[in-house]
């Protein structure tokens, strides 16, 4: 059953679309605006400090809103109309988080944190030798990645991937799944050989 469309007369109609729609470019204009804005922000952070970028963004937003507020006030005075505050709909919009929403997000964060702590404990204390070896290889590869890119560059690449890979996968899913299956088969084969040669590395049968 399809979701109901936004109600033009309701303030909720100005809410942003779900993130999944942005990543899959369901609305090209919205996705393009978000993608370009995030990239512009990240590239700005490569040239200026966080404080400077934040201050410039705040000044730009204030310049736009103040100019629009003055323009509407002058227009109302000339036309002798009383349309009220131009941002009245946004000022009256409810933006506070409810107690239920806070509890829901807090529970999700707590669950994620506990899961990560248990997984890290399992890996560092070598509960499963193969998984710990995989984790060690991953950390070793990340040392090379860190030597080539800084955190901000990796974040830019991650944003670009988030806005491109879902669309590419959606269009070429069959081919990508085929190659991923071949790679997974090869990896499992190598892991199986390692398990057979390292004492105690073979997983216990469940």
C-alpha atoms as a PDB file:
ATOM      1  CA  UNK A   1       0.000   0.000   0.000  1.00  0.00           C
ATOM      2  CA  UNK A   2       1.503   3.329  -1.039  1.00  0.00           C
ATOM      3  CA  UNK A   3       2.273   6.031   1.481  1.00  0.00           C
ATOM      4  CA  UNK A   4      -0.042   9.005   1.618  1.00  0.00           C
ATOM      5  CA  UNK A   5       1.281  12.173   0.077  1.00  0.00           C
ATOM      6  CA  UNK A   6       2.105  15.229   2.189  1.00  0.00           C
ATOM      7  CA  UNK A   7      -0.695  17.547   3.155  1.00  0.00           C
ATOM      8  CA  UNK A   8      -0.015  20.989   1.647  1.00  0.00           C
ATOM      9  CA  UNK A   9      -1.896  22.681   4.465  1.00  0.00           C
ATOM     10  CA  UNK A  10       0.080  20.966   7.186  1.00  0.00           C
ATOM     11  CA  UNK A  11       3.504  22.156   8.426  1.00  0.00           C
ATOM     12  CA  UNK A  12       4.713  18.559   8.210  1.00  0.00           C
ATOM     13  CA  UNK A  13       4.717  18.906   4.426  1.00  0.00           C
ATOM     14  CA  UNK A  14       8.001  20.812   4.667  1.00  0.00           C
ATOM     15  CA  UNK A  15       9.738  17.913   6.379  1.00  0.00           C
ATOM     16  CA  UNK A  16      12.674  16.435   4.396  1.00  0.00           C
ATOM     17  CA  UNK A  17      12.231  13.168   2.467  1.00  0.00           C
ATOM     18  CA  UNK A  18      13.575   9.896   3.904  1.00  0.00           C
ATOM     19  CA  UNK A  19      17.309   9.396   3.555  1.00  0.00           C
ATOM     20  CA  UNK A  20      16.819   6.324   1.378  1.00  0.00           C
ATOM     21  CA  UNK A  21      14.974   8.431  -1.218  1.00  0.00           C
ATOM     22  CA  UNK A  22      17.831  10.945  -1.252  1.00  0.00           C
ATOM     23  CA  UNK A  23      20.477   8.248  -1.738  1.00  0.00           C
ATOM     24  CA  UNK A  24      18.541   6.626  -4.583  1.00  0.00           C
ATOM     25  CA  UNK A  25      17.869   9.997  -6.252  1.00  0.00           C
ATOM     26  CA  UNK A  26      14.076   9.518  -6.284  1.00  0.00           C
ATOM     27  CA  UNK A  27      13.833  13.297  -6.561  1.00  0.00           C
ATOM     28  CA  UNK A  28      16.804  14.561  -8.557  1.00  0.00           C
ATOM     29  CA  UNK A  29      16.497  18.170  -7.393  1.00  0.00           C
ATOM     30  CA  UNK A  30      16.367  17.294  -3.696  1.00  0.00           C
ATOM     31  CA  UNK A  31      19.169  14.738  -3.910  1.00  0.00           C
ATOM     32  CA  UNK A  32      21.299  17.115  -5.974  1.00  0.00           C
ATOM     33  CA  UNK A  33      20.762  19.937  -3.496  1.00  0.00           C
ATOM     34  CA  UNK A  34      21.680  17.774  -0.489  1.00  0.00           C
ATOM     35  CA  UNK A  35      24.641  16.147  -2.248  1.00  0.00           C
ATOM     36  CA  UNK A  36      26.112  19.444  -3.465  1.00  0.00           C
ATOM     37  CA  UNK A  37      25.527  21.136  -0.097  1.00  0.00           C
ATOM     38  CA  UNK A  38      27.252  18.388   1.867  1.00  0.00           C
ATOM     39  CA  UNK A  39      30.182  18.289  -0.557  1.00  0.00           C
ATOM     40  CA  UNK A  40      30.519  22.078  -0.457  1.00  0.00           C
ATOM     41  CA  UNK A  41      30.553  21.960   3.341  1.00  0.00           C
ATOM     42  CA  UNK A  42      33.201  19.235   3.436  1.00  0.00           C
ATOM     43  CA  UNK A  43      35.403  20.923   0.835  1.00  0.00           C
ATOM     44  CA  UNK A  44      35.092  24.150   2.820  1.00  0.00           C
ATOM     45  CA  UNK A  45      36.344  22.312   5.900  1.00  0.00           C
ATOM     46  CA  UNK A  46      39.463  21.315   3.954  1.00  0.00           C
ATOM     47  CA  UNK A  47      40.317  25.012   3.517  1.00  0.00           C
ATOM     48  CA  UNK A  48      38.953  26.612   6.694  1.00  0.00           C
ATOM     49  CA  UNK A  49      38.469  25.653  10.321  1.00  0.00           C
ATOM     50  CA  UNK A  50      35.190  24.284  11.646  1.00  0.00           C
ATOM     51  CA  UNK A  51      34.609  27.521  13.557  1.00  0.00           C
ATOM     52  CA  UNK A  52      35.120  29.649  10.441  1.00  0.00           C
ATOM     53  CA  UNK A  53      32.851  27.495   8.293  1.00  0.00           C
ATOM     54  CA  UNK A  54      30.156  27.497  10.971  1.00  0.00           C
ATOM     55  CA  UNK A  55      30.384  31.265  11.352  1.00  0.00           C
ATOM     56  CA  UNK A  56      30.224  31.878   7.593  1.00  0.00           C
ATOM     57  CA  UNK A  57      27.218  29.577   7.233  1.00  0.00           C
ATOM     58  CA  UNK A  58      25.431  31.344  10.085  1.00  0.00           C
ATOM     59  CA  UNK A  59      26.187  34.760   8.564  1.00  0.00           C
ATOM     60  CA  UNK A  60      24.949  33.631   5.149  1.00  0.00           C
ATOM     61  CA  UNK A  61      21.725  32.252   6.620  1.00  0.00           C
ATOM     62  CA  UNK A  62      21.166  35.398   8.707  1.00  0.00           C
ATOM     63  CA  UNK A  63      21.831  37.639   5.708  1.00  0.00           C
ATOM     64  CA  UNK A  64      19.235  35.765   3.676  1.00  0.00           C
ATOM     65  CA  UNK A  65      16.552  35.705   6.384  1.00  0.00           C
ATOM     66  CA  UNK A  66      17.078  39.318   7.496  1.00  0.00           C
ATOM     67  CA  UNK A  67      17.010  40.563   3.903  1.00  0.00           C
ATOM     68  CA  UNK A  68      13.836  38.623   3.189  1.00  0.00           C
ATOM     69  CA  UNK A  69      12.239  39.850   6.420  1.00  0.00           C
ATOM     70  CA  UNK A  70      12.991  43.483   5.572  1.00  0.00           C
ATOM     71  CA  UNK A  71      11.837  43.000   1.969  1.00  0.00           C
ATOM     72  CA  UNK A  72       8.495  41.573   3.059  1.00  0.00           C
ATOM     73  CA  UNK A  73       8.026  44.323   5.659  1.00  0.00           C
ATOM     74  CA  UNK A  74       8.660  47.055   3.070  1.00  0.00           C
ATOM     75  CA  UNK A  75       6.388  45.294   0.573  1.00  0.00           C
ATOM     76  CA  UNK A  76       3.574  45.067   3.128  1.00  0.00           C
ATOM     77  CA  UNK A  77       4.005  48.746   4.018  1.00  0.00           C
ATOM     78  CA  UNK A  78       3.862  49.823   0.353  1.00  0.00           C
ATOM     79  CA  UNK A  79       0.888  47.609  -0.475  1.00  0.00           C
ATOM     80  CA  UNK A  80      -0.735  48.361   2.902  1.00  0.00           C
ATOM     81  CA  UNK A  81      -1.338  44.694   3.640  1.00  0.00           C
ATOM     82  CA  UNK A  82      -0.993  42.763   6.856  1.00  0.00           C
ATOM     83  CA  UNK A  83       0.251  39.302   5.979  1.00  0.00           C
ATOM     84  CA  UNK A  84       2.110  38.933   9.247  1.00  0.00           C
ATOM     85  CA  UNK A  85       5.566  37.499   9.787  1.00  0.00           C
ATOM     86  CA  UNK A  86       6.940  35.845   6.602  1.00  0.00           C
ATOM     87  CA  UNK A  87       8.328  32.936   8.641  1.00  0.00           C
ATOM     88  CA  UNK A  88       5.231  32.485  10.780  1.00  0.00           C
ATOM     89  CA  UNK A  89       4.592  28.907   9.605  1.00  0.00           C
ATOM     90  CA  UNK A  90       8.127  27.878  10.533  1.00  0.00           C
ATOM     91  CA  UNK A  91       8.081  29.741  13.857  1.00  0.00           C
ATOM     92  CA  UNK A  92       4.913  27.918  14.878  1.00  0.00           C
ATOM     93  CA  UNK A  93       6.174  24.524  13.741  1.00  0.00           C
ATOM     94  CA  UNK A  94       6.807  22.038  16.552  1.00  0.00           C
ATOM     95  CA  UNK A  95      10.489  21.048  16.517  1.00  0.00           C
ATOM     96  CA  UNK A  96      10.973  19.761  20.071  1.00  0.00           C
ATOM     97  CA  UNK A  97      11.655  16.054  20.533  1.00  0.00           C
ATOM     98  CA  UNK A  98       9.087  14.222  22.608  1.00  0.00           C
ATOM     99  CA  UNK A  99      10.060  12.059  25.560  1.00  0.00           C
ATOM    100  CA  UNK A 100       9.130   8.949  23.569  1.00  0.00           C
ATOM    101  CA  UNK A 101      11.394   9.972  20.674  1.00  0.00           C
ATOM    102  CA  UNK A 102      14.293  10.674  23.039  1.00  0.00           C
ATOM    103  CA  UNK A 103      13.803   7.304  24.730  1.00  0.00           C
ATOM    104  CA  UNK A 104      13.634   5.533  21.362  1.00  0.00           C
ATOM    105  CA  UNK A 105      16.857   7.114  20.089  1.00  0.00           C
ATOM    106  CA  UNK A 106      18.595   6.572  23.435  1.00  0.00           C
ATOM    107  CA  UNK A 107      17.636   2.884  23.370  1.00  0.00           C
ATOM    108  CA  UNK A 108      19.006   2.523  19.831  1.00  0.00           C
ATOM    109  CA  UNK A 109      22.285   4.215  20.766  1.00  0.00           C
ATOM    110  CA  UNK A 110      22.592   2.053  23.886  1.00  0.00           C
ATOM    111  CA  UNK A 111      21.933  -1.131  21.903  1.00  0.00           C
ATOM    112  CA  UNK A 112      24.471  -0.153  19.239  1.00  0.00           C
ATOM    113  CA  UNK A 113      27.090   0.744  21.873  1.00  0.00           C
ATOM    114  CA  UNK A 114      26.644  -2.519  23.766  1.00  0.00           C
ATOM    115  CA  UNK A 115      26.813  -4.535  20.547  1.00  0.00           C
ATOM    116  CA  UNK A 116      30.039  -2.800  19.489  1.00  0.00           C
ATOM    117  CA  UNK A 117      31.624  -3.332  22.918  1.00  0.00           C
ATOM    118  CA  UNK A 118      30.769  -7.039  22.897  1.00  0.00           C
ATOM    119  CA  UNK A 119      32.098  -7.455  19.356  1.00  0.00           C
ATOM    120  CA  UNK A 120      35.362  -5.642  20.146  1.00  0.00           C
ATOM    121  CA  UNK A 121      35.813  -7.733  23.279  1.00  0.00           C
ATOM    122  CA  UNK A 122      35.270 -10.890  21.220  1.00  0.00           C
ATOM    123  CA  UNK A 123      37.825  -9.800  18.618  1.00  0.00           C
ATOM    124  CA  UNK A 124      40.556  -8.524  20.951  1.00  0.00           C
ATOM    125  CA  UNK A 125      40.299 -11.487  23.327  1.00  0.00           C
ATOM    126  CA  UNK A 126      40.421 -13.902  20.352  1.00  0.00           C
ATOM    127  CA  UNK A 127      37.199 -15.779  20.988  1.00  0.00           C
ATOM    128  CA  UNK A 128      37.406 -16.839  17.330  1.00  0.00           C
ATOM    129  CA  UNK A 129      40.931 -16.912  15.894  1.00  0.00           C
ATOM    130  CA  UNK A 130      39.851 -16.475  12.256  1.00  0.00           C
ATOM    131  CA  UNK A 131      37.683 -13.436  13.025  1.00  0.00           C
ATOM    132  CA  UNK A 132      40.479 -11.859  15.054  1.00  0.00           C
ATOM    133  CA  UNK A 133      42.924 -12.469  12.191  1.00  0.00           C
ATOM    134  CA  UNK A 134      40.480 -10.861   9.747  1.00  0.00           C
ATOM    135  CA  UNK A 135      40.191  -7.871  12.070  1.00  0.00           C
ATOM    136  CA  UNK A 136      43.994  -7.626  12.317  1.00  0.00           C
ATOM    137  CA  UNK A 137      44.301  -7.660   8.508  1.00  0.00           C
ATOM    138  CA  UNK A 138      41.638  -4.958   8.261  1.00  0.00           C
ATOM    139  CA  UNK A 139      43.485  -2.764  10.774  1.00  0.00           C
ATOM    140  CA  UNK A 140      46.735  -3.336   8.884  1.00  0.00           C
ATOM    141  CA  UNK A 141      45.093  -2.238   5.623  1.00  0.00           C
ATOM    142  CA  UNK A 142      43.658   0.821   7.361  1.00  0.00           C
ATOM    143  CA  UNK A 143      47.182   1.926   8.324  1.00  0.00           C
ATOM    144  CA  UNK A 144      47.912   2.283   4.594  1.00  0.00           C
ATOM    145  CA  UNK A 145      44.595   4.016   3.971  1.00  0.00           C
ATOM    146  CA  UNK A 146      45.346   6.444   6.791  1.00  0.00           C
ATOM    147  CA  UNK A 147      48.769   7.178   5.310  1.00  0.00           C
ATOM    148  CA  UNK A 148      47.179   8.091   1.961  1.00  0.00           C
ATOM    149  CA  UNK A 149      44.061   9.968   3.115  1.00  0.00           C
ATOM    150  CA  UNK A 150      43.110  12.032   6.119  1.00  0.00           C
ATOM    151  CA  UNK A 151      39.784  11.666   7.901  1.00  0.00           C
ATOM    152  CA  UNK A 152      38.118  14.509   6.016  1.00  0.00           C
ATOM    153  CA  UNK A 153      39.126  13.091   2.632  1.00  0.00           C
ATOM    154  CA  UNK A 154      37.733   9.706   3.624  1.00  0.00           C
ATOM    155  CA  UNK A 155      34.505  11.402   4.687  1.00  0.00           C
ATOM    156  CA  UNK A 156      34.232  13.116   1.284  1.00  0.00           C
ATOM    157  CA  UNK A 157      34.803   9.795  -0.482  1.00  0.00           C
ATOM    158  CA  UNK A 158      32.193   8.176   1.780  1.00  0.00           C
ATOM    159  CA  UNK A 159      29.602  10.833   0.899  1.00  0.00           C
ATOM    160  CA  UNK A 160      30.315  10.439  -2.821  1.00  0.00           C
ATOM    161  CA  UNK A 161      29.976   6.664  -2.478  1.00  0.00           C
ATOM    162  CA  UNK A 162      26.707   6.979  -0.555  1.00  0.00           C
ATOM    163  CA  UNK A 163      25.154   9.028  -3.347  1.00  0.00           C
ATOM    164  CA  UNK A 164      26.514   6.963  -6.246  1.00  0.00           C
ATOM    165  CA  UNK A 165      26.861   3.310  -5.227  1.00  0.00           C
ATOM    166  CA  UNK A 166      23.154   2.657  -4.421  1.00  0.00           C
ATOM    167  CA  UNK A 167      22.120   3.900  -7.866  1.00  0.00           C
ATOM    168  CA  UNK A 168      24.871   1.920  -9.615  1.00  0.00           C
ATOM    169  CA  UNK A 169      23.944  -1.224  -7.697  1.00  0.00           C
ATOM    170  CA  UNK A 170      20.259  -0.753  -8.474  1.00  0.00           C
ATOM    171  CA  UNK A 171      20.995  -0.540 -12.205  1.00  0.00           C
ATOM    172  CA  UNK A 172      23.587  -3.348 -12.360  1.00  0.00           C
ATOM    173  CA  UNK A 173      22.514  -5.578  -9.484  1.00  0.00           C
ATOM    174  CA  UNK A 174      22.799  -8.888 -11.355  1.00  0.00           C
ATOM    175  CA  UNK A 175      26.359  -8.289 -12.568  1.00  0.00           C
ATOM    176  CA  UNK A 176      27.532  -6.917  -9.216  1.00  0.00           C
ATOM    177  CA  UNK A 177      26.016  -9.854  -7.298  1.00  0.00           C
ATOM    178  CA  UNK A 178      27.761 -12.256  -9.649  1.00  0.00           C
ATOM    179  CA  UNK A 179      31.197 -10.691  -9.097  1.00  0.00           C
ATOM    180  CA  UNK A 180      30.636 -10.380  -5.357  1.00  0.00           C
ATOM    181  CA  UNK A 181      29.714 -14.066  -5.245  1.00  0.00           C
ATOM    182  CA  UNK A 182      32.933 -15.012  -7.051  1.00  0.00           C
ATOM    183  CA  UNK A 183      35.036 -12.886  -4.676  1.00  0.00           C
ATOM    184  CA  UNK A 184      33.252 -14.334  -1.651  1.00  0.00           C
ATOM    185  CA  UNK A 185      33.916 -17.860  -2.913  1.00  0.00           C
ATOM    186  CA  UNK A 186      37.624 -17.123  -3.310  1.00  0.00           C
ATOM    187  CA  UNK A 187      37.853 -15.516   0.124  1.00  0.00           C
ATOM    188  CA  UNK A 188      36.060 -18.439   1.760  1.00  0.00           C
ATOM    189  CA  UNK A 189      38.426 -20.811  -0.007  1.00  0.00           C
ATOM    190  CA  UNK A 190      41.486 -18.974   1.324  1.00  0.00           C
ATOM    191  CA  UNK A 191      40.005 -18.778   4.823  1.00  0.00           C
ATOM    192  CA  UNK A 192      39.256 -22.507   4.706  1.00  0.00           C
ATOM    193  CA  UNK A 193      42.876 -23.279   3.825  1.00  0.00           C
ATOM    194  CA  UNK A 194      44.092 -21.066   6.668  1.00  0.00           C
ATOM    195  CA  UNK A 195      41.723 -22.749   9.102  1.00  0.00           C
ATOM    196  CA  UNK A 196      43.007 -26.153   8.048  1.00  0.00           C
ATOM    197  CA  UNK A 197      46.662 -25.206   8.633  1.00  0.00           C
ATOM    198  CA  UNK A 198      46.407 -23.178  11.868  1.00  0.00           C
ATOM    199  CA  UNK A 199      45.779 -25.242  15.022  1.00  0.00           C
ATOM    200  CA  UNK A 200      42.628 -24.128  16.822  1.00  0.00           C
ATOM    201  CA  UNK A 201      41.498 -21.915  13.940  1.00  0.00           C
ATOM    202  CA  UNK A 202      38.743 -24.216  12.714  1.00  0.00           C
ATOM    203  CA  UNK A 203      35.303 -23.107  13.832  1.00  0.00           C
ATOM    204  CA  UNK A 204      33.347 -25.362  16.080  1.00  0.00           C
ATOM    205  CA  UNK A 205      30.350 -26.975  14.459  1.00  0.00           C
ATOM    206  CA  UNK A 206      27.099 -25.608  15.863  1.00  0.00           C
END
